[in-house]
Full PDB file with SEQRES, HELIX, SHEET, SSBOND, CRYST1, ORIGX, SCALE, CONECT and MASTER records, all heavy atoms in Angstrom:
SEQRES   1 A   37  LEU ALA THR GLY LEU SER TRP PHE ARG TYR HIS LEU ARG          
SEQRES   2 A   37  PHE ASP ALA ILE GLY GLN ASP THR MET LEU LYS LEU ILE          
SEQRES   3 A   37  PHE ASN LEU LEU ILE PHE ALA LEU VAL TYR ARG                  
HELIX    1 AA1 ALA A    2  ARG A    9  1                                   8    
HELIX    2 AA2 ALA A   16  TYR A   36  1                                  21    
CRYST1    1.000    1.000    1.000  90.00  90.00  90.00 P 1           1          
ORIGX1      1.000000  0.000000  0.000000        0.00000                         
ORIGX2      0.000000  1.000000  0.000000        0.00000                         
ORIGX3      0.000000  0.000000  1.000000        0.00000                         
SCALE1      1.000000  0.000000  0.000000        0.00000                         
SCALE2      0.000000  1.000000  0.000000        0.00000                         
SCALE3      0.000000  0.000000  1.000000        0.00000                         
ATOM      1  N   LEU A   1     -14.793  -9.115   1.672  1.00  0.00           N  
ATOM      2  CA  LEU A   1     -14.626  -8.475   0.455  1.00  0.00           C  
ATOM      3  C   LEU A   1     -13.634  -7.275   0.564  1.00  0.00           C  
ATOM      4  O   LEU A   1     -12.720  -7.077  -0.419  1.00  0.00           O  
ATOM      5  CB  LEU A   1     -16.024  -7.937  -0.025  1.00  0.00           C  
ATOM      6  CG  LEU A   1     -16.083  -6.954  -1.233  1.00  0.00           C  
ATOM      7  CD1 LEU A   1     -15.670  -7.827  -2.471  1.00  0.00           C  
ATOM      8  CD2 LEU A   1     -17.457  -6.296  -1.390  1.00  0.00           C  
ATOM      9  N   ALA A   2     -13.717  -6.555   1.545  1.00  0.00           N  
ATOM     10  CA  ALA A   2     -12.766  -5.487   1.732  1.00  0.00           C  
ATOM     11  C   ALA A   2     -11.378  -6.005   1.862  1.00  0.00           C  
ATOM     12  O   ALA A   2     -10.416  -5.322   1.398  1.00  0.00           O  
ATOM     13  CB  ALA A   2     -13.213  -4.615   3.086  1.00  0.00           C  
ATOM     14  N   THR A   3     -11.198  -6.985   2.528  1.00  0.00           N  
ATOM     15  CA  THR A   3      -9.902  -7.751   2.703  1.00  0.00           C  
ATOM     16  C   THR A   3      -9.260  -8.062   1.322  1.00  0.00           C  
ATOM     17  O   THR A   3      -8.074  -7.867   1.020  1.00  0.00           O  
ATOM     18  CB  THR A   3      -9.886  -8.909   3.695  1.00  0.00           C  
ATOM     19  OG1 THR A   3     -10.424  -8.440   4.927  1.00  0.00           O  
ATOM     20  CG2 THR A   3      -8.506  -9.518   3.866  1.00  0.00           C  
ATOM     21  N   GLY A   4     -10.135  -8.705   0.511  1.00  0.00           N  
ATOM     22  CA  GLY A   4      -9.776  -9.122  -0.837  1.00  0.00           C  
ATOM     23  C   GLY A   4      -9.351  -7.993  -1.713  1.00  0.00           C  
ATOM     24  O   GLY A   4      -8.432  -7.964  -2.369  1.00  0.00           O  
ATOM     25  N   LEU A   5     -10.239  -6.920  -1.583  1.00  0.00           N  
ATOM     26  CA  LEU A   5      -9.991  -5.670  -2.480  1.00  0.00           C  
ATOM     27  C   LEU A   5      -8.628  -4.945  -2.111  1.00  0.00           C  
ATOM     28  O   LEU A   5      -7.961  -4.522  -2.889  1.00  0.00           O  
ATOM     29  CB  LEU A   5     -11.110  -4.668  -2.477  1.00  0.00           C  
ATOM     30  CG  LEU A   5     -12.508  -5.204  -2.924  1.00  0.00           C  
ATOM     31  CD1 LEU A   5     -13.576  -4.165  -2.820  1.00  0.00           C  
ATOM     32  CD2 LEU A   5     -12.355  -5.480  -4.470  1.00  0.00           C  
ATOM     33  N   SER A   6      -8.370  -5.047  -0.790  1.00  0.00           N  
ATOM     34  CA  SER A   6      -7.116  -4.368  -0.334  1.00  0.00           C  
ATOM     35  C   SER A   6      -5.901  -4.976  -0.844  1.00  0.00           C  
ATOM     36  O   SER A   6      -4.858  -4.429  -0.867  1.00  0.00           O  
ATOM     37  CB  SER A   6      -7.150  -4.270   1.202  1.00  0.00           C  
ATOM     38  OG  SER A   6      -6.947  -5.578   1.797  1.00  0.00           O  
ATOM     39  N   TRP A   7      -6.012  -6.315  -1.152  1.00  0.00           N  
ATOM     40  CA  TRP A   7      -4.813  -6.978  -1.724  1.00  0.00           C  
ATOM     41  C   TRP A   7      -4.376  -6.288  -3.163  1.00  0.00           C  
ATOM     42  O   TRP A   7      -3.245  -6.131  -3.445  1.00  0.00           O  
ATOM     43  CB  TRP A   7      -5.151  -8.441  -2.124  1.00  0.00           C  
ATOM     44  CG  TRP A   7      -5.260  -9.367  -0.885  1.00  0.00           C  
ATOM     45  CD1 TRP A   7      -5.165  -8.836   0.362  1.00  0.00           C  
ATOM     46  CD2 TRP A   7      -5.360 -10.749  -0.876  1.00  0.00           C  
ATOM     47  NE1 TRP A   7      -5.274  -9.993   1.238  1.00  0.00           N  
ATOM     48  CE2 TRP A   7      -5.465 -11.131   0.464  1.00  0.00           C  
ATOM     49  CE3 TRP A   7      -5.524 -11.696  -1.882  1.00  0.00           C  
ATOM     50  CZ2 TRP A   7      -5.509 -12.496   0.807  1.00  0.00           C  
ATOM     51  CZ3 TRP A   7      -5.648 -13.054  -1.495  1.00  0.00           C  
ATOM     52  CH2 TRP A   7      -5.665 -13.358  -0.188  1.00  0.00           C  
ATOM     53  N   PHE A   8      -5.417  -5.832  -3.900  1.00  0.00           N  
ATOM     54  CA  PHE A   8      -5.153  -5.223  -5.088  1.00  0.00           C  
ATOM     55  C   PHE A   8      -4.898  -3.762  -5.061  1.00  0.00           C  
ATOM     56  O   PHE A   8      -4.008  -3.133  -5.629  1.00  0.00           O  
ATOM     57  CB  PHE A   8      -6.353  -5.470  -6.081  1.00  0.00           C  
ATOM     58  CG  PHE A   8      -6.549  -6.971  -6.379  1.00  0.00           C  
ATOM     59  CD1 PHE A   8      -7.534  -7.622  -5.679  1.00  0.00           C  
ATOM     60  CD2 PHE A   8      -5.763  -7.636  -7.269  1.00  0.00           C  
ATOM     61  CE1 PHE A   8      -7.833  -8.973  -5.849  1.00  0.00           C  
ATOM     62  CE2 PHE A   8      -6.030  -8.969  -7.494  1.00  0.00           C  
ATOM     63  CZ  PHE A   8      -7.021  -9.677  -6.850  1.00  0.00           C  
ATOM     64  N   ARG A   9      -5.608  -3.113  -4.202  1.00  0.00           N  
ATOM     65  CA  ARG A   9      -5.531  -1.597  -4.053  1.00  0.00           C  
ATOM     66  C   ARG A   9      -4.373  -1.137  -3.305  1.00  0.00           C  
ATOM     67  O   ARG A   9      -3.737  -0.217  -3.619  1.00  0.00           O  
ATOM     68  CB  ARG A   9      -6.877  -1.102  -3.487  1.00  0.00           C  
ATOM     69  CG  ARG A   9      -6.888   0.465  -3.305  1.00  0.00           C  
ATOM     70  CD  ARG A   9      -8.175   0.957  -2.821  1.00  0.00           C  
ATOM     71  NE  ARG A   9      -8.238   2.399  -2.824  1.00  0.00           N  
ATOM     72  CZ  ARG A   9      -9.198   3.189  -2.271  1.00  0.00           C  
ATOM     73  NH1 ARG A   9     -10.310   2.612  -1.783  1.00  0.00           N  
ATOM     74  NH2 ARG A   9      -9.207   4.436  -2.343  1.00  0.00           N  
ATOM     75  N   TYR A  10      -4.192  -1.786  -2.121  1.00  0.00           N  
ATOM     76  CA  TYR A  10      -3.051  -1.321  -1.272  1.00  0.00           C  
ATOM     77  C   TYR A  10      -1.948  -2.415  -1.085  1.00  0.00           C  
ATOM     78  O   TYR A  10      -0.927  -2.172  -0.405  1.00  0.00           O  
ATOM     79  CB  TYR A  10      -3.654  -1.025   0.251  1.00  0.00           C  
ATOM     80  CG  TYR A  10      -4.579   0.035   0.265  1.00  0.00           C  
ATOM     81  CD1 TYR A  10      -5.951  -0.196   0.499  1.00  0.00           C  
ATOM     82  CD2 TYR A  10      -4.224   1.352  -0.078  1.00  0.00           C  
ATOM     83  CE1 TYR A  10      -6.862   0.849   0.590  1.00  0.00           C  
ATOM     84  CE2 TYR A  10      -5.167   2.468  -0.037  1.00  0.00           C  
ATOM     85  CZ  TYR A  10      -6.574   2.123   0.248  1.00  0.00           C  
ATOM     86  OH  TYR A  10      -7.367   3.182   0.420  1.00  0.00           O  
ATOM     87  N   HIS A  11      -2.029  -3.581  -1.782  1.00  0.00           N  
ATOM     88  CA  HIS A  11      -1.117  -4.641  -1.743  1.00  0.00           C  
ATOM     89  C   HIS A  11      -0.820  -5.088  -0.378  1.00  0.00           C  
ATOM     90  O   HIS A  11       0.331  -5.404   0.137  1.00  0.00           O  
ATOM     91  CB  HIS A  11       0.292  -4.077  -2.373  1.00  0.00           C  
ATOM     92  CG  HIS A  11       0.140  -3.551  -3.814  1.00  0.00           C  
ATOM     93  ND1 HIS A  11      -0.140  -4.368  -4.925  1.00  0.00           N  
ATOM     94  CD2 HIS A  11       0.202  -2.209  -4.170  1.00  0.00           C  
ATOM     95  CE1 HIS A  11      -0.230  -3.670  -5.961  1.00  0.00           C  
ATOM     96  NE2 HIS A  11       0.000  -2.305  -5.587  1.00  0.00           N  
ATOM     97  N   LEU A  12      -1.995  -5.291   0.334  1.00  0.00           N  
ATOM     98  CA  LEU A  12      -1.824  -5.750   1.749  1.00  0.00           C  
ATOM     99  C   LEU A  12      -2.113  -7.211   1.820  1.00  0.00           C  
ATOM    100  O   LEU A  12      -3.213  -7.732   1.403  1.00  0.00           O  
ATOM    101  CB  LEU A  12      -2.953  -5.017   2.601  1.00  0.00           C  
ATOM    102  CG  LEU A  12      -2.871  -3.462   2.747  1.00  0.00           C  
ATOM    103  CD1 LEU A  12      -3.928  -2.940   3.608  1.00  0.00           C  
ATOM    104  CD2 LEU A  12      -1.480  -3.100   3.301  1.00  0.00           C  
ATOM    105  N   ARG A  13      -1.089  -7.992   2.207  1.00  0.00           N  
ATOM    106  CA  ARG A  13      -1.253  -9.384   2.439  1.00  0.00           C  
ATOM    107  C   ARG A  13      -1.522  -9.739   3.923  1.00  0.00           C  
ATOM    108  O   ARG A  13      -1.195  -8.862   4.768  1.00  0.00           O  
ATOM    109  CB  ARG A  13       0.038 -10.149   1.925  1.00  0.00           C  
ATOM    110  CG  ARG A  13       0.242  -9.912   0.465  1.00  0.00           C  
ATOM    111  CD  ARG A  13      -0.853 -10.564  -0.393  1.00  0.00           C  
ATOM    112  NE  ARG A  13      -0.450 -10.495  -1.841  1.00  0.00           N  
ATOM    113  CZ  ARG A  13      -0.893  -9.556  -2.697  1.00  0.00           C  
ATOM    114  NH1 ARG A  13      -1.631  -8.529  -2.214  1.00  0.00           N  
ATOM    115  NH2 ARG A  13      -0.622  -9.637  -3.940  1.00  0.00           N  
ATOM    116  N   PHE A  14      -1.856 -10.896   4.206  1.00  0.00           N  
ATOM    117  CA  PHE A  14      -2.168 -11.220   5.559  1.00  0.00           C  
ATOM    118  C   PHE A  14      -0.849 -11.271   6.451  1.00  0.00           C  
ATOM    119  O   PHE A  14       0.098 -11.908   5.955  1.00  0.00           O  
ATOM    120  CB  PHE A  14      -2.881 -12.602   5.782  1.00  0.00           C  
ATOM    121  CG  PHE A  14      -4.318 -12.473   5.702  1.00  0.00           C  
ATOM    122  CD1 PHE A  14      -5.019 -12.967   4.549  1.00  0.00           C  
ATOM    123  CD2 PHE A  14      -5.078 -11.947   6.768  1.00  0.00           C  
ATOM    124  CE1 PHE A  14      -6.468 -12.933   4.594  1.00  0.00           C  
ATOM    125  CE2 PHE A  14      -6.415 -11.868   6.727  1.00  0.00           C  
ATOM    126  CZ  PHE A  14      -7.109 -12.393   5.612  1.00  0.00           C  
ATOM    127  N   ASP A  15      -0.836 -10.533   7.568  1.00  0.00           N  
ATOM    128  CA  ASP A  15       0.176 -10.670   8.552  1.00  0.00           C  
ATOM    129  C   ASP A  15      -0.424 -11.410   9.769  1.00  0.00           C  
ATOM    130  O   ASP A  15      -1.538 -11.729   9.678  1.00  0.00           O  
ATOM    131  CB  ASP A  15       0.788  -9.305   8.892  1.00  0.00           C  
ATOM    132  CG  ASP A  15      -0.158  -8.280   9.460  1.00  0.00           C  
ATOM    133  OD1 ASP A  15      -1.350  -8.682   9.666  1.00  0.00           O  
ATOM    134  OD2 ASP A  15       0.223  -7.265   9.890  1.00  0.00           O  
ATOM    135  N   ALA A  16       0.399 -11.435  10.804  1.00  0.00           N  
ATOM    136  CA  ALA A  16      -0.131 -12.223  12.007  1.00  0.00           C  
ATOM    137  C   ALA A  16      -1.241 -11.531  12.553  1.00  0.00           C  
ATOM    138  O   ALA A  16      -2.230 -12.127  13.008  1.00  0.00           O  
ATOM    139  CB  ALA A  16       1.034 -12.343  13.075  1.00  0.00           C  
ATOM    140  N   ILE A  17      -1.220 -10.238  12.653  1.00  0.00           N  
ATOM    141  CA  ILE A  17      -2.389  -9.445  13.341  1.00  0.00           C  
ATOM    142  C   ILE A  17      -3.644  -9.603  12.515  1.00  0.00           C  
ATOM    143  O   ILE A  17      -4.658  -9.832  12.994  1.00  0.00           O  
ATOM    144  CB  ILE A  17      -2.007  -7.953  13.469  1.00  0.00           C  
ATOM    145  CG1 ILE A  17      -0.872  -7.685  14.376  1.00  0.00           C  
ATOM    146  CG2 ILE A  17      -3.174  -7.144  13.841  1.00  0.00           C  
ATOM    147  CD1 ILE A  17      -0.292  -6.358  14.618  1.00  0.00           C  
ATOM    148  N   GLY A  18      -3.453  -9.383  11.134  1.00  0.00           N  
ATOM    149  CA  GLY A  18      -4.692  -9.488  10.359  1.00  0.00           C  
ATOM    150  C   GLY A  18      -5.243 -10.829  10.333  1.00  0.00           C  
ATOM    151  O   GLY A  18      -6.476 -11.052  10.379  1.00  0.00           O  
ATOM    152  N   GLN A  19      -4.451 -11.914  10.263  1.00  0.00           N  
ATOM    153  CA  GLN A  19      -4.954 -13.242  10.385  1.00  0.00           C  
ATOM    154  C   GLN A  19      -5.608 -13.661  11.676  1.00  0.00           C  
ATOM    155  O   GLN A  19      -6.718 -14.255  11.718  1.00  0.00           O  
ATOM    156  CB  GLN A  19      -3.845 -14.235  10.057  1.00  0.00           C  
ATOM    157  CG  GLN A  19      -4.226 -15.730  10.177  1.00  0.00           C  
ATOM    158  CD  GLN A  19      -2.981 -16.552   9.954  1.00  0.00           C  
ATOM    159  OE1 GLN A  19      -2.241 -16.308   8.898  1.00  0.00           O  
ATOM    160  NE2 GLN A  19      -2.806 -17.663  10.705  1.00  0.00           N  
ATOM    161  N   ASP A  20      -4.995 -13.148  12.765  1.00  0.00           N  
ATOM    162  CA  ASP A  20      -5.640 -13.445  14.058  1.00  0.00           C  
ATOM    163  C   ASP A  20      -6.893 -12.703  14.255  1.00  0.00           C  
ATOM    164  O   ASP A  20      -7.983 -13.213  14.802  1.00  0.00           O  
ATOM    165  CB  ASP A  20      -4.557 -12.996  15.185  1.00  0.00           C  
ATOM    166  CG  ASP A  20      -3.482 -13.913  15.331  1.00  0.00           C  
ATOM    167  OD1 ASP A  20      -3.506 -14.983  14.735  1.00  0.00           O  
ATOM    168  OD2 ASP A  20      -2.494 -13.578  15.971  1.00  0.00           O  
ATOM    169  N   THR A  21      -7.037 -11.463  13.680  1.00  0.00           N  
ATOM    170  CA  THR A  21      -8.204 -10.613  13.791  1.00  0.00           C  
ATOM    171  C   THR A  21      -9.398 -11.381  13.049  1.00  0.00           C  
ATOM    172  O   THR A  21     -10.544 -11.473  13.526  1.00  0.00           O  
ATOM    173  CB  THR A  21      -8.008  -9.255  13.247  1.00  0.00           C  
ATOM    174  OG1 THR A  21      -6.962  -8.602  14.007  1.00  0.00           O  
ATOM    175  CG2 THR A  21      -9.218  -8.451  13.396  1.00  0.00           C  
ATOM    176  N   MET A  22      -9.064 -11.837  11.877  1.00  0.00           N  
ATOM    177  CA  MET A  22     -10.118 -12.491  11.137  1.00  0.00           C  
ATOM    178  C   MET A  22     -10.590 -13.661  11.733  1.00  0.00           C  
ATOM    179  O   MET A  22     -11.797 -13.983  11.870  1.00  0.00           O  
ATOM    180  CB  MET A  22      -9.493 -12.794   9.653  1.00  0.00           C  
ATOM    181  CG  MET A  22     -10.512 -13.465   8.718  1.00  0.00           C  
ATOM    182  SD  MET A  22      -9.910 -13.980   7.166  1.00  0.00           S  
ATOM    183  CE  MET A  22      -8.817 -15.387   7.708  1.00  0.00           C  
ATOM    184  N   LEU A  23      -9.657 -14.508  12.184  1.00  0.00           N  
ATOM    185  CA  LEU A  23     -10.004 -15.900  12.721  1.00  0.00           C  
ATOM    186  C   LEU A  23     -10.765 -15.665  14.077  1.00  0.00           C  
ATOM    187  O   LEU A  23     -11.632 -16.399  14.483  1.00  0.00           O  
ATOM    188  CB  LEU A  23      -8.741 -16.642  13.035  1.00  0.00           C  
ATOM    189  CG  LEU A  23      -7.956 -17.187  11.771  1.00  0.00           C  
ATOM    190  CD1 LEU A  23      -6.813 -17.965  12.228  1.00  0.00           C  
ATOM    191  CD2 LEU A  23      -8.934 -18.029  10.934  1.00  0.00           C  
ATOM    192  N   LYS A  24     -10.341 -14.534  14.837  1.00  0.00           N  
ATOM    193  CA  LYS A  24     -11.115 -14.308  16.016  1.00  0.00           C  
ATOM    194  C   LYS A  24     -12.510 -13.915  15.822  1.00  0.00           C  
ATOM    195  O   LYS A  24     -13.440 -14.413  16.566  1.00  0.00           O  
ATOM    196  CB  LYS A  24     -10.358 -13.184  16.782  1.00  0.00           C  
ATOM    197  CG  LYS A  24     -10.822 -12.876  18.213  1.00  0.00           C  
ATOM    198  CD  LYS A  24      -9.949 -11.954  18.841  1.00  0.00           C  
ATOM    199  CE  LYS A  24     -10.326 -11.605  20.328  1.00  0.00           C  
ATOM    200  NZ  LYS A  24      -9.490 -10.562  21.073  1.00  0.00           N  
ATOM    201  N   LEU A  25     -12.760 -13.021  14.818  1.00  0.00           N  
ATOM    202  CA  LEU A  25     -14.100 -12.638  14.537  1.00  0.00           C  
ATOM    203  C   LEU A  25     -14.967 -13.799  14.128  1.00  0.00           C  
ATOM    204  O   LEU A  25     -16.119 -14.024  14.511  1.00  0.00           O  
ATOM    205  CB  LEU A  25     -14.101 -11.551  13.425  1.00  0.00           C  
ATOM    206  CG  LEU A  25     -15.455 -10.884  13.130  1.00  0.00           C  
ATOM    207  CD1 LEU A  25     -15.376  -9.447  12.873  1.00  0.00           C  
ATOM    208  CD2 LEU A  25     -16.137 -11.541  11.919  1.00  0.00           C  
ATOM    209  N   ILE A  26     -14.424 -14.666  13.113  1.00  0.00           N  
ATOM    210  CA  ILE A  26     -15.226 -15.765  12.638  1.00  0.00           C  
ATOM    211  C   ILE A  26     -15.419 -16.730  13.800  1.00  0.00           C  
ATOM    212  O   ILE A  26     -16.574 -17.348  13.974  1.00  0.00           O  
ATOM    213  CB  ILE A  26     -14.370 -16.502  11.462  1.00  0.00           C  
ATOM    214  CG1 ILE A  26     -14.259 -15.643  10.250  1.00  0.00           C  
ATOM    215  CG2 ILE A  26     -14.964 -17.780  11.098  1.00  0.00           C  
ATOM    216  CD1 ILE A  26     -13.402 -16.157   9.242  1.00  0.00           C  
ATOM    217  N   PHE A  27     -14.465 -17.016  14.641  1.00  0.00           N  
ATOM    218  CA  PHE A  27     -14.523 -17.889  15.861  1.00  0.00           C  
ATOM    219  C   PHE A  27     -15.721 -17.487  16.707  1.00  0.00           C  
ATOM    220  O   PHE A  27     -16.569 -18.203  17.183  1.00  0.00           O  
ATOM    221  CB  PHE A  27     -13.240 -18.074  16.551  1.00  0.00           C  
ATOM    222  CG  PHE A  27     -13.315 -19.014  17.668  1.00  0.00           C  
ATOM    223  CD1 PHE A  27     -13.566 -20.385  17.475  1.00  0.00           C  
ATOM    224  CD2 PHE A  27     -13.071 -18.605  18.902  1.00  0.00           C  
ATOM    225  CE1 PHE A  27     -13.555 -21.375  18.472  1.00  0.00           C  
ATOM    226  CE2 PHE A  27     -13.094 -19.604  19.974  1.00  0.00           C  
ATOM    227  CZ  PHE A  27     -13.328 -20.850  19.780  1.00  0.00           C  
ATOM    228  N   ASN A  28     -15.759 -16.145  17.020  1.00  0.00           N  
ATOM    229  CA  ASN A  28     -16.761 -15.628  17.828  1.00  0.00           C  
ATOM    230  C   ASN A  28     -18.202 -15.687  17.284  1.00  0.00           C  
ATOM    231  O   ASN A  28     -19.097 -15.823  18.017  1.00  0.00           O  
ATOM    232  CB  ASN A  28     -16.494 -14.140  18.286  1.00  0.00           C  
ATOM    233  CG  ASN A  28     -15.324 -14.164  19.322  1.00  0.00           C  
ATOM    234  OD1 ASN A  28     -15.265 -14.912  20.217  1.00  0.00           O  
ATOM    235  ND2 ASN A  28     -14.447 -13.144  19.324  1.00  0.00           N  
ATOM    236  N   LEU A  29     -18.225 -15.539  15.920  1.00  0.00           N  
ATOM    237  CA  LEU A  29     -19.524 -15.700  15.258  1.00  0.00           C  
ATOM    238  C   LEU A  29     -20.067 -17.120  15.412  1.00  0.00           C  
ATOM    239  O   LEU A  29     -21.176 -17.455  15.576  1.00  0.00           O  
ATOM    240  CB  LEU A  29     -19.476 -15.255  13.895  1.00  0.00           C  
ATOM    241  CG  LEU A  29     -19.211 -13.747  13.585  1.00  0.00           C  
ATOM    242  CD1 LEU A  29     -19.201 -13.591  12.072  1.00  0.00           C  
ATOM    243  CD2 LEU A  29     -20.194 -12.961  14.285  1.00  0.00           C  
ATOM    244  N   LEU A  30     -19.092 -18.036  15.347  1.00  0.00           N  
ATOM    245  CA  LEU A  30     -19.421 -19.558  15.468  1.00  0.00           C  
ATOM    246  C   LEU A  30     -19.913 -19.747  16.939  1.00  0.00           C  
ATOM    247  O   LEU A  30     -20.770 -20.598  17.158  1.00  0.00           O  
ATOM    248  CB  LEU A  30     -18.287 -20.305  15.075  1.00  0.00           C  
ATOM    249  CG  LEU A  30     -17.966 -20.381  13.542  1.00  0.00           C  
ATOM    250  CD1 LEU A  30     -16.627 -21.240  13.340  1.00  0.00           C  
ATOM    251  CD2 LEU A  30     -19.072 -20.956  12.712  1.00  0.00           C  
ATOM    252  N   ILE A  31     -19.231 -19.142  17.859  1.00  0.00           N  
ATOM    253  CA  ILE A  31     -19.510 -19.370  19.208  1.00  0.00           C  
ATOM    254  C   ILE A  31     -20.986 -18.852  19.465  1.00  0.00           C  
ATOM    255  O   ILE A  31     -21.794 -19.414  20.185  1.00  0.00           O  
ATOM    256  CB  ILE A  31     -18.555 -18.623  20.131  1.00  0.00           C  
ATOM    257  CG1 ILE A  31     -17.246 -19.356  20.201  1.00  0.00           C  
ATOM    258  CG2 ILE A  31     -19.099 -18.504  21.535  1.00  0.00           C  
ATOM    259  CD1 ILE A  31     -16.191 -18.763  21.000  1.00  0.00           C  
ATOM    260  N   PHE A  32     -21.282 -17.713  18.909  1.00  0.00           N  
ATOM    261  CA  PHE A  32     -22.691 -17.119  18.983  1.00  0.00           C  
ATOM    262  C   PHE A  32     -23.615 -18.218  18.526  1.00  0.00           C  
ATOM    263  O   PHE A  32     -24.688 -18.437  19.197  1.00  0.00           O  
ATOM    264  CB  PHE A  32     -22.695 -15.800  18.230  1.00  0.00           C  
ATOM    265  CG  PHE A  32     -24.197 -15.381  17.956  1.00  0.00           C  
ATOM    266  CD1 PHE A  32     -24.952 -14.988  19.036  1.00  0.00           C  
ATOM    267  CD2 PHE A  32     -24.766 -15.525  16.732  1.00  0.00           C  
ATOM    268  CE1 PHE A  32     -26.317 -14.586  18.809  1.00  0.00           C  
ATOM    269  CE2 PHE A  32     -26.071 -15.067  16.464  1.00  0.00           C  
ATOM    270  CZ  PHE A  32     -26.846 -14.619  17.519  1.00  0.00           C  
ATOM    271  N   ALA A  33     -23.462 -18.724  17.319  1.00  0.00           N  
ATOM    272  CA  ALA A  33     -24.350 -19.728  16.756  1.00  0.00           C  
ATOM    273  C   ALA A  33     -24.453 -21.011  17.687  1.00  0.00           C  
ATOM    274  O   ALA A  33     -25.464 -21.514  17.850  1.00  0.00           O  
ATOM    275  CB  ALA A  33     -23.876 -20.091  15.401  1.00  0.00           C  
ATOM    276  N   LEU A  34     -23.274 -21.400  18.221  1.00  0.00           N  
ATOM    277  CA  LEU A  34     -23.241 -22.566  19.180  1.00  0.00           C  
ATOM    278  C   LEU A  34     -24.172 -22.377  20.411  1.00  0.00           C  
ATOM    279  O   LEU A  34     -24.982 -23.185  20.752  1.00  0.00           O  
ATOM    280  CB  LEU A  34     -21.797 -22.870  19.502  1.00  0.00           C  
ATOM    281  CG  LEU A  34     -21.526 -23.926  20.616  1.00  0.00           C  
ATOM    282  CD1 LEU A  34     -21.924 -25.300  20.035  1.00  0.00           C  
ATOM    283  CD2 LEU A  34     -20.122 -23.813  21.176  1.00  0.00           C  
ATOM    284  N   VAL A  35     -23.938 -21.211  20.955  1.00  0.00           N  
ATOM    285  CA  VAL A  35     -24.613 -20.958  22.185  1.00  0.00           C  
ATOM    286  C   VAL A  35     -26.167 -20.743  21.997  1.00  0.00           C  
ATOM    287  O   VAL A  35     -26.912 -21.281  22.641  1.00  0.00           O  
ATOM    288  CB  VAL A  35     -24.047 -19.727  22.953  1.00  0.00           C  
ATOM    289  CG1 VAL A  35     -24.849 -19.369  24.208  1.00  0.00           C  
ATOM    290  CG2 VAL A  35     -22.526 -20.089  23.279  1.00  0.00           C  
ATOM    291  N   TYR A  36     -26.405 -20.108  20.897  1.00  0.00           N  
ATOM    292  CA  TYR A  36     -27.852 -19.834  20.590  1.00  0.00           C  
ATOM    293  C   TYR A  36     -28.559 -21.163  20.360  1.00  0.00           C  
ATOM    294  O   TYR A  36     -29.677 -21.332  20.940  1.00  0.00           O  
ATOM    295  CB  TYR A  36     -27.920 -18.883  19.385  1.00  0.00           C  
ATOM    296  CG  TYR A  36     -29.286 -18.686  18.966  1.00  0.00           C  
ATOM    297  CD1 TYR A  36     -30.113 -17.678  19.478  1.00  0.00           C  
ATOM    298  CD2 TYR A  36     -29.924 -19.388  17.849  1.00  0.00           C  
ATOM    299  CE1 TYR A  36     -31.443 -17.522  19.138  1.00  0.00           C  
ATOM    300  CE2 TYR A  36     -31.290 -19.299  17.445  1.00  0.00           C  
ATOM    301  CZ  TYR A  36     -31.990 -18.261  18.139  1.00  0.00           C  
ATOM    302  OH  TYR A  36     -33.238 -18.033  17.701  1.00  0.00           O  
ATOM    303  N   ARG A  37     -27.986 -22.058  19.575  1.00  0.00           N  
ATOM    304  CA  ARG A  37     -28.604 -23.330  19.216  1.00  0.00           C  
ATOM    305  C   ARG A  37     -28.810 -24.179  20.525  1.00  0.00           C  
ATOM    306  O   ARG A  37     -29.862 -24.802  20.723  1.00  0.00           O  
ATOM    307  CB  ARG A  37     -27.817 -24.040  18.241  1.00  0.00           C  
ATOM    308  CG  ARG A  37     -28.270 -25.479  17.976  1.00  0.00           C  
ATOM    309  CD  ARG A  37     -27.449 -26.096  16.883  1.00  0.00           C  
ATOM    310  NE  ARG A  37     -27.896 -27.496  16.552  1.00  0.00           N  
ATOM    311  CZ  ARG A  37     -27.550 -28.567  17.287  1.00  0.00           C  
ATOM    312  NH1 ARG A  37     -26.740 -28.467  18.317  1.00  0.00           N  
ATOM    313  NH2 ARG A  37     -28.058 -29.760  17.006  1.00  0.00           N  
TER     314      ARG A  37                                                      
MASTER        0    0    0    2    0    0    0    6  313    1    0    3          
END                                                                             
C-alpha cells in the first residue's frame, strides 16, 4: 500500500533496489511458509 501511494505522492517508480527489496521480502515470507509446512 505504501509503495503504491508513493507513486502518486512522491512520483517514485520501481528502480533496481526497490524491486529487489520487494522480491526479497516476499521470497523470504514464502520460505518461512515452506519451512513451517
